[in-house]
Amino acid sequence: MPVRGKLVRDRIPDIIRDSGAEPVTRTATPSEYRQRLRLKLREETAEFLAATPETAPEELADVLEVVLALALDMGMNAAQLEKIRAQKAEARGGFGLRTVWLGNVSS
């Protein structure tokens, strides 16, 4: 059975009400919330990938909002997530050098 509805930002029902309509909403269960956050990450990532250079920053901010919500759902705050990111960057580097790996030289 298809899942009805979609996860939206917290203020969207208020924005809909302000426009004169009455939204129909419900609160997701914790396990449904986790599932819907993952679907939302896929949705927002697709929107970012399809964005123009002008709209890409806003779409990237949406991706970040979902990533932060996922971290909170996993029991981490933004600072804890940043600490993990920084540790990985220290150990393995970031992506600033634009390195493309082509494989290894065969012997």
PDB file of N, CA and C in Angstrom:
ATOM      1  N   MET A   1       0.844  -1.180   0.000  1.00  0.00           N
ATOM      2  CA  MET A   1       0.000   0.000   0.000  1.00  0.00           C
ATOM      3  C   MET A   1       0.894   1.250   0.000  1.00  0.00           C
ATOM      4  N   PRO A   2       0.651   2.191  -0.891  1.00  0.00           N
ATOM      5  CA  PRO A   2       1.481   3.401  -0.928  1.00  0.00           C
ATOM      6  C   PRO A   2       1.299   4.239   0.337  1.00  0.00           C
ATOM      7  N   VAL A   3       2.373   4.901   0.723  1.00  0.00           N
ATOM      8  CA  VAL A   3       2.339   5.762   1.898  1.00  0.00           C
ATOM      9  C   VAL A   3       1.756   7.102   1.485  1.00  0.00           C
ATOM     10  N   ARG A   4       0.753   7.557   2.226  1.00  0.00           N
ATOM     11  CA  ARG A   4       0.089   8.820   1.913  1.00  0.00           C
ATOM     12  C   ARG A   4       0.789   9.993   2.589  1.00  0.00           C
ATOM     13  N   GLY A   5       0.812  11.096   1.908  1.00  0.00           N
ATOM     14  CA  GLY A   5       1.368  12.305   2.477  1.00  0.00           C
ATOM     15  C   GLY A   5       2.872  12.380   2.340  1.00  0.00           C
ATOM     16  N   LYS A   6       3.418  13.490   2.817  1.00  0.00           N
ATOM     17  CA  LYS A   6       4.871  13.650   2.796  1.00  0.00           C
ATOM     18  C   LYS A   6       5.293  14.484   3.978  1.00  0.00           C
ATOM     19  N   LEU A   7       6.506  14.265   4.409  1.00  0.00           N
ATOM     20  CA  LEU A   7       7.074  15.013   5.512  1.00  0.00           C
ATOM     21  C   LEU A   7       7.329  16.443   5.047  1.00  0.00           C
ATOM     22  N   VAL A   8       6.861  17.403   5.835  1.00  0.00           N
ATOM     23  CA  VAL A   8       7.055  18.817   5.497  1.00  0.00           C
ATOM     24  C   VAL A   8       7.669  19.537   6.688  1.00  0.00           C
ATOM     25  N   ARG A   9       8.212  20.700   6.411  1.00  0.00           N
ATOM     26  CA  ARG A   9       8.782  21.530   7.468  1.00  0.00           C
ATOM     27  C   ARG A   9       7.693  21.909   8.475  1.00  0.00           C
ATOM     28  N   ASP A  10       8.117  22.153   9.713  1.00  0.00           N
ATOM     29  CA  ASP A  10       7.190  22.364  10.825  1.00  0.00           C
ATOM     30  C   ASP A  10       6.198  23.517  10.627  1.00  0.00           C
ATOM     31  N   ARG A  11       6.602  24.546   9.942  1.00  0.00           N
ATOM     32  CA  ARG A  11       5.729  25.724   9.800  1.00  0.00           C
ATOM     33  C   ARG A  11       4.818  25.667   8.569  1.00  0.00           C
ATOM     34  N   ILE A  12       4.957  24.634   7.750  1.00  0.00           N
ATOM     35  CA  ILE A  12       4.152  24.551   6.521  1.00  0.00           C
ATOM     36  C   ILE A  12       2.652  24.559   6.821  1.00  0.00           C
ATOM     37  N   PRO A  13       2.146  23.825   7.821  1.00  0.00           N
ATOM     38  CA  PRO A  13       0.704  23.923   8.093  1.00  0.00           C
ATOM     39  C   PRO A  13       0.257  25.352   8.411  1.00  0.00           C
ATOM     40  N   ASP A  14       1.063  26.104   9.178  1.00  0.00           N
ATOM     41  CA  ASP A  14       0.720  27.501   9.479  1.00  0.00           C
ATOM     42  C   ASP A  14       0.710  28.350   8.221  1.00  0.00           C
ATOM     43  N   ILE A  15       1.664  28.122   7.352  1.00  0.00           N
ATOM     44  CA  ILE A  15       1.735  28.881   6.097  1.00  0.00           C
ATOM     45  C   ILE A  15       0.511  28.579   5.237  1.00  0.00           C
ATOM     46  N   ILE A  16       0.094  27.315   5.225  1.00  0.00           N
ATOM     47  CA  ILE A  16      -1.115  26.939   4.469  1.00  0.00           C
ATOM     48  C   ILE A  16      -2.336  27.628   5.066  1.00  0.00           C
ATOM     49  N   ARG A  17      -2.443  27.629   6.406  1.00  0.00           N
ATOM     50  CA  ARG A  17      -3.565  28.309   7.070  1.00  0.00           C
ATOM     51  C   ARG A  17      -3.573  29.800   6.743  1.00  0.00           C
ATOM     52  N   ASP A  18      -2.395  30.410   6.759  1.00  0.00           N
ATOM     53  CA  ASP A  18      -2.294  31.842   6.455  1.00  0.00           C
ATOM     54  C   ASP A  18      -2.757  32.157   5.044  1.00  0.00           C
ATOM     55  N   SER A  19      -2.693  31.157   4.143  1.00  0.00           N
ATOM     56  CA  SER A  19      -3.137  31.379   2.769  1.00  0.00           C
ATOM     57  C   SER A  19      -4.646  31.160   2.612  1.00  0.00           C
ATOM     58  N   GLY A  20      -5.313  30.757   3.718  1.00  0.00           N
ATOM     59  CA  GLY A  20      -6.762  30.592   3.677  1.00  0.00           C
ATOM     60  C   GLY A  20      -7.239  29.154   3.568  1.00  0.00           C
ATOM     61  N   ALA A  21      -6.339  28.206   3.456  1.00  0.00           N
ATOM     62  CA  ALA A  21      -6.727  26.796   3.374  1.00  0.00           C
ATOM     63  C   ALA A  21      -6.537  26.144   4.736  1.00  0.00           C
ATOM     64  N   GLU A  22      -7.132  24.973   4.908  1.00  0.00           N
ATOM     65  CA  GLU A  22      -6.982  24.229   6.155  1.00  0.00           C
ATOM     66  C   GLU A  22      -6.276  22.912   5.864  1.00  0.00           C
ATOM     67  N   PRO A  23      -5.013  22.766   6.311  1.00  0.00           N
ATOM     68  CA  PRO A  23      -4.268  21.546   6.018  1.00  0.00           C
ATOM     69  C   PRO A  23      -4.758  20.365   6.864  1.00  0.00           C
ATOM     70  N   VAL A  24      -4.618  19.183   6.306  1.00  0.00           N
ATOM     71  CA  VAL A  24      -4.887  17.951   7.036  1.00  0.00           C
ATOM     72  C   VAL A  24      -3.521  17.331   7.321  1.00  0.00           C
ATOM     73  N   THR A  25      -3.209  17.174   8.590  1.00  0.00           N
ATOM     74  CA  THR A  25      -1.900  16.657   8.981  1.00  0.00           C
ATOM     75  C   THR A  25      -2.052  15.597  10.060  1.00  0.00           C
ATOM     76  N   ARG A  26      -0.975  14.899  10.312  1.00  0.00           N
ATOM     77  CA  ARG A  26      -0.860  13.978  11.437  1.00  0.00           C
ATOM     78  C   ARG A  26       0.609  13.910  11.805  1.00  0.00           C
ATOM     79  N   THR A  27       0.905  13.369  12.962  1.00  0.00           N
ATOM     80  CA  THR A  27       2.276  13.234  13.424  1.00  0.00           C
ATOM     81  C   THR A  27       2.763  11.824  13.120  1.00  0.00           C
ATOM     82  N   ALA A  28       3.922  11.721  12.509  1.00  0.00           N
ATOM     83  CA  ALA A  28       4.518  10.424  12.182  1.00  0.00           C
ATOM     84  C   ALA A  28       4.983   9.729  13.459  1.00  0.00           C
ATOM     85  N   THR A  29       4.927   8.418  13.447  1.00  0.00           N
ATOM     86  CA  THR A  29       5.519   7.645  14.540  1.00  0.00           C
ATOM     87  C   THR A  29       7.039   7.781  14.435  1.00  0.00           C
ATOM     88  N   PRO A  30       7.774   7.457  15.489  1.00  0.00           N
ATOM     89  CA  PRO A  30       9.237   7.558  15.399  1.00  0.00           C
ATOM     90  C   PRO A  30       9.838   6.749  14.248  1.00  0.00           C
ATOM     91  N   SER A  31       9.388   5.519  14.049  1.00  0.00           N
ATOM     92  CA  SER A  31       9.976   4.719  12.964  1.00  0.00           C
ATOM     93  C   SER A  31       9.550   5.252  11.597  1.00  0.00           C
ATOM     94  N   GLU A  32       8.326   5.721  11.487  1.00  0.00           N
ATOM     95  CA  GLU A  32       7.878   6.315  10.225  1.00  0.00           C
ATOM     96  C   GLU A  32       8.655   7.601   9.944  1.00  0.00           C
ATOM     97  N   TYR A  33       8.901   8.383  10.991  1.00  0.00           N
ATOM     98  CA  TYR A  33       9.660   9.625  10.844  1.00  0.00           C
ATOM     99  C   TYR A  33      11.040   9.347  10.263  1.00  0.00           C
ATOM    100  N   ARG A  34      11.729   8.326  10.805  1.00  0.00           N
ATOM    101  CA  ARG A  34      13.052   7.961  10.280  1.00  0.00           C
ATOM    102  C   ARG A  34      12.970   7.600   8.805  1.00  0.00           C
ATOM    103  N   GLN A  35      11.976   6.814   8.457  1.00  0.00           N
ATOM    104  CA  GLN A  35      11.796   6.408   7.061  1.00  0.00           C
ATOM    105  C   GLN A  35      11.505   7.625   6.182  1.00  0.00           C
ATOM    106  N   ARG A  36      10.619   8.484   6.646  1.00  0.00           N
ATOM    107  CA  ARG A  36      10.258   9.665   5.847  1.00  0.00           C
ATOM    108  C   ARG A  36      11.416  10.658   5.737  1.00  0.00           C
ATOM    109  N   LEU A  37      12.248  10.768   6.763  1.00  0.00           N
ATOM    110  CA  LEU A  37      13.435  11.628   6.662  1.00  0.00           C
ATOM    111  C   LEU A  37      14.373  11.126   5.578  1.00  0.00           C
ATOM    112  N   ARG A  38      14.542   9.819   5.488  1.00  0.00           N
ATOM    113  CA  ARG A  38      15.412   9.262   4.448  1.00  0.00           C
ATOM    114  C   ARG A  38      14.828   9.522   3.058  1.00  0.00           C
ATOM    115  N   LEU A  39      13.519   9.393   2.941  1.00  0.00           N
ATOM    116  CA  LEU A  39      12.872   9.714   1.662  1.00  0.00           C
ATOM    117  C   LEU A  39      13.020  11.201   1.351  1.00  0.00           C
ATOM    118  N   LYS A  40      12.897  12.038   2.375  1.00  0.00           N
ATOM    119  CA  LYS A  40      13.037  13.486   2.188  1.00  0.00           C
ATOM    120  C   LYS A  40      14.453  13.833   1.762  1.00  0.00           C
ATOM    121  N   LEU A  41      15.452  13.132   2.304  1.00  0.00           N
ATOM    122  CA  LEU A  41      16.837  13.370   1.888  1.00  0.00           C
ATOM    123  C   LEU A  41      16.996  13.057   0.411  1.00  0.00           C
ATOM    124  N   ARG A  42      16.421  11.970  -0.032  1.00  0.00           N
ATOM    125  CA  ARG A  42      16.471  11.614  -1.452  1.00  0.00           C
ATOM    126  C   ARG A  42      15.784  12.691  -2.302  1.00  0.00           C
ATOM    127  N   GLU A  43      14.615  13.149  -1.857  1.00  0.00           N
ATOM    128  CA  GLU A  43      13.871  14.189  -2.579  1.00  0.00           C
ATOM    129  C   GLU A  43      14.668  15.484  -2.665  1.00  0.00           C
ATOM    130  N   GLU A  44      15.189  15.933  -1.529  1.00  0.00           N
ATOM    131  CA  GLU A  44      15.923  17.200  -1.506  1.00  0.00           C
ATOM    132  C   GLU A  44      17.236  17.102  -2.283  1.00  0.00           C
ATOM    133  N   THR A  45      17.886  15.955  -2.235  1.00  0.00           N
ATOM    134  CA  THR A  45      19.110  15.762  -3.009  1.00  0.00           C
ATOM    135  C   THR A  45      18.816  15.824  -4.498  1.00  0.00           C
ATOM    136  N   ALA A  46      17.737  15.194  -4.924  1.00  0.00           N
ATOM    137  CA  ALA A  46      17.350  15.243  -6.340  1.00  0.00           C
ATOM    138  C   ALA A  46      17.059  16.681  -6.766  1.00  0.00           C
ATOM    139  N   GLU A  47      16.389  17.440  -5.904  1.00  0.00           N
ATOM    140  CA  GLU A  47      16.103  18.846  -6.223  1.00  0.00           C
ATOM    141  C   GLU A  47      17.400  19.648  -6.333  1.00  0.00           C
ATOM    142  N   PHE A  48      18.362  19.371  -5.440  1.00  0.00           N
ATOM    143  CA  PHE A  48      19.646  20.060  -5.530  1.00  0.00           C
ATOM    144  C   PHE A  48      20.360  19.713  -6.829  1.00  0.00           C
ATOM    145  N   LEU A  49      20.373  18.445  -7.185  1.00  0.00           N
ATOM    146  CA  LEU A  49      21.068  18.011  -8.401  1.00  0.00           C
ATOM    147  C   LEU A  49      20.438  18.603  -9.658  1.00  0.00           C
ATOM    148  N   ALA A  50      19.147  18.880  -9.618  1.00  0.00           N
ATOM    149  CA  ALA A  50      18.451  19.449 -10.766  1.00  0.00           C
ATOM    150  C   ALA A  50      18.430  20.982 -10.745  1.00  0.00           C
ATOM    151  N   ALA A  51      18.940  21.580  -9.700  1.00  0.00           N
ATOM    152  CA  ALA A  51      18.854  23.030  -9.521  1.00  0.00           C
ATOM    153  C   ALA A  51      19.764  23.787 -10.477  1.00  0.00           C
ATOM    154  N   THR A  52      19.388  25.019 -10.710  1.00  0.00           N
ATOM    155  CA  THR A  52      20.234  25.941 -11.474  1.00  0.00           C
ATOM    156  C   THR A  52      21.269  26.535 -10.521  1.00  0.00           C
ATOM    157  N   PRO A  53      22.316  27.156 -11.056  1.00  0.00           N
ATOM    158  CA  PRO A  53      23.281  27.803 -10.155  1.00  0.00           C
ATOM    159  C   PRO A  53      22.619  28.829  -9.221  1.00  0.00           C
ATOM    160  N   GLU A  54      21.541  29.451  -9.676  1.00  0.00           N
ATOM    161  CA  GLU A  54      20.852  30.449  -8.851  1.00  0.00           C
ATOM    162  C   GLU A  54      20.068  29.810  -7.705  1.00  0.00           C
ATOM    163  N   THR A  55      19.450  28.658  -7.949  1.00  0.00           N
ATOM    164  CA  THR A  55      18.616  28.032  -6.916  1.00  0.00           C
ATOM    165  C   THR A  55      19.363  26.977  -6.099  1.00  0.00           C
ATOM    166  N   ALA A  56      20.565  26.598  -6.525  1.00  0.00           N
ATOM    167  CA  ALA A  56      21.313  25.542  -5.846  1.00  0.00           C
ATOM    168  C   ALA A  56      21.593  25.844  -4.368  1.00  0.00           C
ATOM    169  N   PRO A  57      21.973  27.069  -3.991  1.00  0.00           N
ATOM    170  CA  PRO A  57      22.233  27.311  -2.563  1.00  0.00           C
ATOM    171  C   PRO A  57      21.014  27.035  -1.678  1.00  0.00           C
ATOM    172  N   GLU A  58      19.844  27.441  -2.122  1.00  0.00           N
ATOM    173  CA  GLU A  58      18.626  27.196  -1.342  1.00  0.00           C
ATOM    174  C   GLU A  58      18.334  25.700  -1.256  1.00  0.00           C
ATOM    175  N   GLU A  59      18.518  24.989  -2.356  1.00  0.00           N
ATOM    176  CA  GLU A  59      18.286  23.539  -2.357  1.00  0.00           C
ATOM    177  C   GLU A  59      19.306  22.827  -1.473  1.00  0.00           C
ATOM    178  N   LEU A  60      20.541  23.291  -1.488  1.00  0.00           N
ATOM    179  CA  LEU A  60      21.573  22.701  -0.631  1.00  0.00           C
ATOM    180  C   LEU A  60      21.246  22.936   0.845  1.00  0.00           C
ATOM    181  N   ALA A  61      20.690  24.095   1.157  1.00  0.00           N
ATOM    182  CA  ALA A  61      20.255  24.372   2.531  1.00  0.00           C
ATOM    183  C   ALA A  61      19.151  23.407   2.953  1.00  0.00           C
ATOM    184  N   ASP A  62      18.266  23.050   2.026  1.00  0.00           N
ATOM    185  CA  ASP A  62      17.220  22.067   2.327  1.00  0.00           C
ATOM    186  C   ASP A  62      17.832  20.701   2.632  1.00  0.00           C
ATOM    187  N   VAL A  63      18.848  20.315   1.866  1.00  0.00           N
ATOM    188  CA  VAL A  63      19.543  19.051   2.124  1.00  0.00           C
ATOM    189  C   VAL A  63      20.145  19.082   3.532  1.00  0.00           C
ATOM    190  N   LEU A  64      20.792  20.173   3.865  1.00  0.00           N
ATOM    191  CA  LEU A  64      21.412  20.304   5.181  1.00  0.00           C
ATOM    192  C   LEU A  64      20.372  20.228   6.289  1.00  0.00           C
ATOM    193  N   GLU A  65      19.227  20.835   6.103  1.00  0.00           N
ATOM    194  CA  GLU A  65      18.153  20.784   7.106  1.00  0.00           C
ATOM    195  C   GLU A  65      17.727  19.345   7.373  1.00  0.00           C
ATOM    196  N   VAL A  66      17.614  18.554   6.315  1.00  0.00           N
ATOM    197  CA  VAL A  66      17.238  17.148   6.479  1.00  0.00           C
ATOM    198  C   VAL A  66      18.374  16.378   7.148  1.00  0.00           C
ATOM    199  N   VAL A  67      19.616  16.636   6.767  1.00  0.00           N
ATOM    200  CA  VAL A  67      20.756  15.963   7.391  1.00  0.00           C
ATOM    201  C   VAL A  67      20.785  16.256   8.890  1.00  0.00           C
ATOM    202  N   LEU A  68      20.551  17.495   9.269  1.00  0.00           N
ATOM    203  CA  LEU A  68      20.536  17.849  10.689  1.00  0.00           C
ATOM    204  C   LEU A  68      19.384  17.173  11.418  1.00  0.00           C
ATOM    205  N   ALA A  69      18.225  17.060  10.783  1.00  0.00           N
ATOM    206  CA  ALA A  69      17.093  16.351  11.391  1.00  0.00           C
ATOM    207  C   ALA A  69      17.420  14.869  11.563  1.00  0.00           C
ATOM    208  N   LEU A  70      18.085  14.277  10.586  1.00  0.00           N
ATOM    209  CA  LEU A  70      18.515  12.882  10.697  1.00  0.00           C
ATOM    210  C   LEU A  70      19.492  12.706  11.860  1.00  0.00           C
ATOM    211  N   ALA A  71      20.426  13.628  11.995  1.00  0.00           N
ATOM    212  CA  ALA A  71      21.384  13.561  13.098  1.00  0.00           C
ATOM    213  C   ALA A  71      20.664  13.633  14.440  1.00  0.00           C
ATOM    214  N   LEU A  72      19.724  14.563  14.571  1.00  0.00           N
ATOM    215  CA  LEU A  72      18.959  14.676  15.816  1.00  0.00           C
ATOM    216  C   LEU A  72      18.197  13.395  16.097  1.00  0.00           C
ATOM    217  N   ASP A  73      17.624  12.796  15.060  1.00  0.00           N
ATOM    218  CA  ASP A  73      16.879  11.554  15.228  1.00  0.00           C
ATOM    219  C   ASP A  73      17.797  10.422  15.692  1.00  0.00           C
ATOM    220  N   MET A  74      19.068  10.513  15.335  1.00  0.00           N
ATOM    221  CA  MET A  74      20.052   9.507  15.743  1.00  0.00           C
ATOM    222  C   MET A  74      20.671   9.843  17.106  1.00  0.00           C
ATOM    223  N   GLY A  75      20.223  10.930  17.722  1.00  0.00           N
ATOM    224  CA  GLY A  75      20.714  11.303  19.037  1.00  0.00           C
ATOM    225  C   GLY A  75      21.914  12.223  19.036  1.00  0.00           C
ATOM    226  N   MET A  76      22.212  12.810  17.879  1.00  0.00           N
ATOM    227  CA  MET A  76      23.347  13.732  17.765  1.00  0.00           C
ATOM    228  C   MET A  76      22.851  15.145  17.516  1.00  0.00           C
ATOM    229  N   ASN A  77      23.591  16.122  18.013  1.00  0.00           N
ATOM    230  CA  ASN A  77      23.285  17.498  17.633  1.00  0.00           C
ATOM    231  C   ASN A  77      24.238  17.925  16.519  1.00  0.00           C
ATOM    232  N   ALA A  78      24.064  19.124  16.023  1.00  0.00           N
ATOM    233  CA  ALA A  78      24.879  19.606  14.903  1.00  0.00           C
ATOM    234  C   ALA A  78      26.364  19.639  15.268  1.00  0.00           C
ATOM    235  N   ALA A  79      26.677  20.006  16.497  1.00  0.00           N
ATOM    236  CA  ALA A  79      28.086  20.072  16.918  1.00  0.00           C
ATOM    237  C   ALA A  79      28.722  18.681  16.931  1.00  0.00           C
ATOM    238  N   GLN A  80      27.961  17.690  17.376  1.00  0.00           N
ATOM    239  CA  GLN A  80      28.497  16.326  17.389  1.00  0.00           C
ATOM    240  C   GLN A  80      28.716  15.815  15.964  1.00  0.00           C
ATOM    241  N   LEU A  81      27.777  16.118  15.094  1.00  0.00           N
ATOM    242  CA  LEU A  81      27.921  15.719  13.694  1.00  0.00           C
ATOM    243  C   LEU A  81      29.128  16.410  13.065  1.00  0.00           C
ATOM    244  N   GLU A  82      29.294  17.684  13.352  1.00  0.00           N
ATOM    245  CA  GLU A  82      30.442  18.431  12.830  1.00  0.00           C
ATOM    246  C   GLU A  82      31.750  17.854  13.349  1.00  0.00           C
ATOM    247  N   LYS A  83      31.774  17.415  14.597  1.00  0.00           N
ATOM    248  CA  LYS A  83      32.982  16.814  15.166  1.00  0.00           C
ATOM    249  C   LYS A  83      33.355  15.547  14.398  1.00  0.00           C
ATOM    250  N   ILE A  84      32.374  14.722  14.092  1.00  0.00           N
ATOM    251  CA  ILE A  84      32.628  13.500  13.314  1.00  0.00           C
ATOM    252  C   ILE A  84      33.129  13.862  11.922  1.00  0.00           C
ATOM    253  N   ARG A  85      32.499  14.863  11.305  1.00  0.00           N
ATOM    254  CA  ARG A  85      32.927  15.302   9.979  1.00  0.00           C
ATOM    255  C   ARG A  85      34.368  15.778  10.006  1.00  0.00           C
ATOM    256  N   ALA A  86      34.705  16.589  11.021  1.00  0.00           N
ATOM    257  CA  ALA A  86      36.060  17.131  11.134  1.00  0.00           C
ATOM    258  C   ALA A  86      37.089  16.021  11.373  1.00  0.00           C
ATOM    259  N   GLN A  87      36.738  15.034  12.180  1.00  0.00           N
ATOM    260  CA  GLN A  87      37.644  13.911  12.421  1.00  0.00           C
ATOM    261  C   GLN A  87      37.902  13.140  11.128  1.00  0.00           C
ATOM    262  N   LYS A  88      36.854  12.913  10.358  1.00  0.00           N
ATOM    263  CA  LYS A  88      37.029  12.215   9.079  1.00  0.00           C
ATOM    264  C   LYS A  88      37.870  13.050   8.117  1.00  0.00           C
ATOM    265  N   ALA A  89      37.648  14.358   8.110  1.00  0.00           N
ATOM    266  CA  ALA A  89      38.436  15.235   7.240  1.00  0.00           C
ATOM    267  C   ALA A  89      39.901  15.231   7.647  1.00  0.00           C
ATOM    268  N   GLU A  90      40.144  15.205   8.956  1.00  0.00           N
ATOM    269  CA  GLU A  90      41.520  15.162   9.446  1.00  0.00           C
ATOM    270  C   GLU A  90      42.195  13.852   9.042  1.00  0.00           C
ATOM    271  N   ALA A  91      41.490  12.756   9.164  1.00  0.00           N
ATOM    272  CA  ALA A  91      42.064  11.440   8.879  1.00  0.00           C
ATOM    273  C   ALA A  91      42.157  11.140   7.383  1.00  0.00           C
ATOM    274  N   ARG A  92      41.160  11.558   6.618  1.00  0.00           N
ATOM    275  CA  ARG A  92      41.074  11.153   5.211  1.00  0.00           C
ATOM    276  C   ARG A  92      41.071  12.327   4.235  1.00  0.00           C
ATOM    277  N   GLY A  93      40.977  13.537   4.774  1.00  0.00           N
ATOM    278  CA  GLY A  93      40.928  14.713   3.921  1.00  0.00           C
ATOM    279  C   GLY A  93      39.494  15.066   3.568  1.00  0.00           C
ATOM    280  N   GLY A  94      39.360  16.181   2.878  1.00  0.00           N
ATOM    281  CA  GLY A  94      38.058  16.623   2.391  1.00  0.00           C
ATOM    282  C   GLY A  94      37.988  16.386   0.897  1.00  0.00           C
ATOM    283  N   PHE A  95      37.345  17.285   0.209  1.00  0.00           N
ATOM    284  CA  PHE A  95      37.218  17.167  -1.241  1.00  0.00           C
ATOM    285  C   PHE A  95      37.743  18.410  -1.957  1.00  0.00           C
ATOM    286  N   GLY A  96      38.419  19.288  -1.226  1.00  0.00           N
ATOM    287  CA  GLY A  96      38.884  20.555  -1.770  1.00  0.00           C
ATOM    288  C   GLY A  96      39.932  20.460  -2.869  1.00  0.00           C
ATOM    289  N   LEU A  97      40.699  19.374  -2.886  1.00  0.00           N
ATOM    290  CA  LEU A  97      41.730  19.228  -3.922  1.00  0.00           C
ATOM    291  C   LEU A  97      41.168  18.696  -5.242  1.00  0.00           C
ATOM    292  N   ARG A  98      39.896  18.320  -5.239  1.00  0.00           N
ATOM    293  CA  ARG A  98      39.196  17.837  -6.446  1.00  0.00           C
ATOM    294  C   ARG A  98      39.857  16.594  -7.041  1.00  0.00           C
ATOM    295  N   THR A  99      40.402  15.735  -6.197  1.00  0.00           N
ATOM    296  CA  THR A  99      41.110  14.531  -6.635  1.00  0.00           C
ATOM    297  C   THR A  99      40.129  13.501  -7.191  1.00  0.00           C
ATOM    298  N   VAL A 100      40.428  12.993  -8.376  1.00  0.00           N
ATOM    299  CA  VAL A 100      39.644  11.924  -9.001  1.00  0.00           C
ATOM    300  C   VAL A 100      40.523  10.684  -9.062  1.00  0.00           C
ATOM    301  N   TRP A 101      40.118   9.626  -8.385  1.00  0.00           N
ATOM    302  CA  TRP A 101      40.879   8.372  -8.382  1.00  0.00           C
ATOM    303  C   TRP A 101      40.533   7.571  -9.627  1.00  0.00           C
ATOM    304  N   LEU A 102      41.539   7.104 -10.340  1.00  0.00           N
ATOM    305  CA  LEU A 102      41.353   6.357 -11.576  1.00  0.00           C
ATOM    306  C   LEU A 102      41.688   4.879 -11.429  1.00  0.00           C
ATOM    307  N   GLY A 103      42.027   4.453 -10.244  1.00  0.00           N
ATOM    308  CA  GLY A 103      42.407   3.067 -10.016  1.00  0.00           C
ATOM    309  C   GLY A 103      43.857   2.988  -9.606  1.00  0.00           C
ATOM    310  N   ASN A 104      44.401   1.794  -9.598  1.00  0.00           N
ATOM    311  CA  ASN A 104      45.793   1.568  -9.206  1.00  0.00           C
ATOM    312  C   ASN A 104      46.587   1.070 -10.402  1.00  0.00           C
ATOM    313  N   VAL A 105      47.881   1.339 -10.385  1.00  0.00           N
ATOM    314  CA  VAL A 105      48.772   0.820 -11.418  1.00  0.00           C
ATOM    315  C   VAL A 105      48.923  -0.667 -11.191  1.00  0.00           C
ATOM    316  N   SER A 106      48.674  -1.452 -12.210  1.00  0.00           N
ATOM    317  CA  SER A 106      48.840  -2.906 -12.067  1.00  0.00           C
ATOM    318  C   SER A 106      50.315  -3.263 -12.187  1.00  0.00           C
ATOM    319  N   SER A 107      50.729  -4.269 -11.436  1.00  0.00           N
ATOM    320  CA  SER A 107      52.144  -4.643 -11.446  1.00  0.00           C
ATOM    321  C   SER A 107      52.424  -5.815 -12.344  1.00  0.00           C
TER     322      SER A 107
END
